[in-house]
Amino acid sequence: MFSRHTETGCRESLPGITQKTLVFGTNTLMAEFRLKKGSQLPRHSHPHEQTGYLVSGHMTLRIHDEESDIRPGDSWNIPGNVEHSAVIHEDSVAIEVFCPVREDYLE
């Protein structure tokens, strides 16, 4: 499957946080997140394993009890059902892959 860049398909999931599903298959889904400076991703969990990469910006990411200062080029993995949260320090772009496919991210 191929997916071409478009300006459509974005949705605001939380104030200052916009997500866009880029492509998905049988087992994985890849999404782009645009995060505005000052926004926060509250502590939450979901059954999906989540692997991410910060393209640009700066944020603090907390996974369970571990916190890390995340800069462009840094990546992370969050096991399913593990609580995590983030504070966005600069406008940021992150790419994340979820397994299994997040049905709630499909149009």
Protein backbone atom coordinates (compact mmCIF):
# COMPACT_ATOMS: atom_id res chain seq x y z
CA MET A 1 0.00 0.00 0.00
CA PHE A 2 1.20 3.50 -0.81
CA SER A 3 -0.07 6.75 0.66
CA ARG A 4 0.57 10.16 -0.88
CA HIS A 5 0.92 13.39 1.08
CA THR A 6 -2.27 15.43 1.35
CA GLU A 7 -3.27 18.44 3.42
CA THR A 8 -6.55 16.75 4.42
CA GLY A 9 -7.34 14.14 7.05
CA CYS A 10 -6.11 16.01 10.13
CA ARG A 11 -8.19 16.09 13.29
CA GLU A 12 -7.67 17.73 16.65
CA SER A 13 -7.56 14.99 19.25
CA LEU A 14 -6.86 17.36 22.18
CA PRO A 15 -6.38 21.14 22.40
CA GLY A 16 -3.13 21.90 20.54
CA ILE A 17 -2.66 18.30 19.37
CA THR A 18 -3.54 17.33 15.80
CA GLN A 19 -3.24 13.82 14.42
CA LYS A 20 -3.33 12.40 10.92
CA THR A 21 -3.31 8.74 9.97
CA LEU A 22 -0.69 8.32 7.24
CA VAL A 23 -0.96 4.65 6.31
CA PHE A 24 -2.07 1.37 7.87
CA GLY A 25 -1.91 -2.34 7.19
CA THR A 26 -3.10 -5.52 8.81
CA ASN A 27 -1.04 -5.13 12.00
CA THR A 28 0.28 -1.55 12.19
CA LEU A 29 -0.85 2.04 11.74
CA MET A 30 1.42 5.08 11.27
CA ALA A 31 0.28 8.55 12.31
CA GLU A 32 1.68 12.07 12.28
CA PHE A 33 1.13 14.28 15.32
CA ARG A 34 1.50 18.07 15.29
CA LEU A 35 1.81 19.38 18.82
CA LYS A 36 1.61 23.07 19.72
CA LYS A 37 3.93 24.65 22.27
CA GLY A 38 2.28 24.63 25.70
CA SER A 39 -0.06 21.72 24.98
CA GLN A 40 -0.14 18.62 27.15
CA LEU A 41 -0.96 15.01 26.56
CA PRO A 42 -2.56 13.86 29.83
CA ARG A 43 -1.52 10.60 31.47
CA HIS A 44 -3.33 7.74 29.72
CA SER A 45 -2.89 4.20 28.44
CA HIS A 46 -4.25 2.02 25.65
CA PRO A 47 -3.73 -1.61 24.61
CA HIS A 48 -1.62 -0.63 21.57
CA GLU A 49 2.17 -0.78 21.54
CA GLN A 50 3.41 2.65 20.38
CA THR A 51 6.77 3.46 18.77
CA GLY A 52 7.60 7.10 18.04
CA TYR A 53 10.18 9.42 16.48
CA LEU A 54 10.44 13.19 17.02
CA VAL A 55 10.90 14.94 13.67
CA SER A 56 11.06 18.48 15.07
CA GLY A 57 10.44 20.39 18.29
CA HIS A 58 10.99 19.59 21.95
CA MET A 59 8.93 17.80 24.57
CA THR A 60 9.15 15.94 27.85
CA LEU A 61 7.78 12.41 27.59
CA ARG A 62 6.87 10.32 30.62
CA ILE A 63 6.47 6.55 30.23
CA HIS A 64 5.28 4.90 33.45
CA ASP A 65 7.70 6.34 36.05
CA GLU A 66 10.50 7.30 33.63
CA GLU A 67 10.76 10.82 32.15
CA SER A 68 12.92 11.93 29.23
CA ASP A 69 13.72 15.21 27.50
CA ILE A 70 12.93 14.46 23.82
CA ARG A 71 14.66 16.33 20.96
CA PRO A 72 14.60 15.87 17.15
CA GLY A 73 15.97 12.48 16.18
CA ASP A 74 15.03 10.85 19.50
CA SER A 75 12.69 7.86 19.51
CA TRP A 76 10.71 5.85 22.06
CA ASN A 77 8.64 2.73 22.58
CA ILE A 78 5.64 2.46 24.87
CA PRO A 79 4.36 -1.05 25.62
CA GLY A 80 0.61 -1.60 25.50
CA ASN A 81 -1.36 -0.72 28.66
CA VAL A 82 1.48 1.42 30.10
CA GLU A 83 0.56 4.94 31.24
CA HIS A 84 2.31 7.80 29.47
CA SER A 85 2.04 11.58 29.11
CA ALA A 86 3.84 14.52 27.48
CA VAL A 87 4.43 18.24 27.91
CA ILE A 88 5.19 20.13 24.68
CA HIS A 89 7.90 22.82 25.02
CA GLU A 90 8.10 23.87 21.33
CA ASP A 91 5.87 23.32 18.31
CA SER A 92 6.65 19.70 17.45
CA VAL A 93 6.05 17.00 14.85
CA ALA A 94 6.15 13.32 15.83
CA ILE A 95 5.61 10.16 13.80
CA GLU A 96 4.23 7.16 15.67
CA VAL A 97 3.45 3.56 14.77
CA PHE A 98 0.78 1.60 16.66
CA CYS A 99 0.29 -2.16 16.85
CA PRO A 100 -2.33 -3.46 16.53
CA VAL A 101 -4.08 -0.96 14.26
CA ARG A 102 -5.94 1.71 16.21
CA GLU A 103 -9.48 1.45 14.90
CA ASP A 104 -10.25 4.85 16.45
CA TYR A 105 -7.66 6.44 14.10
CA LEU A 106 -9.33 5.14 10.93
CA GLU A 107 -11.65 7.48 9.07
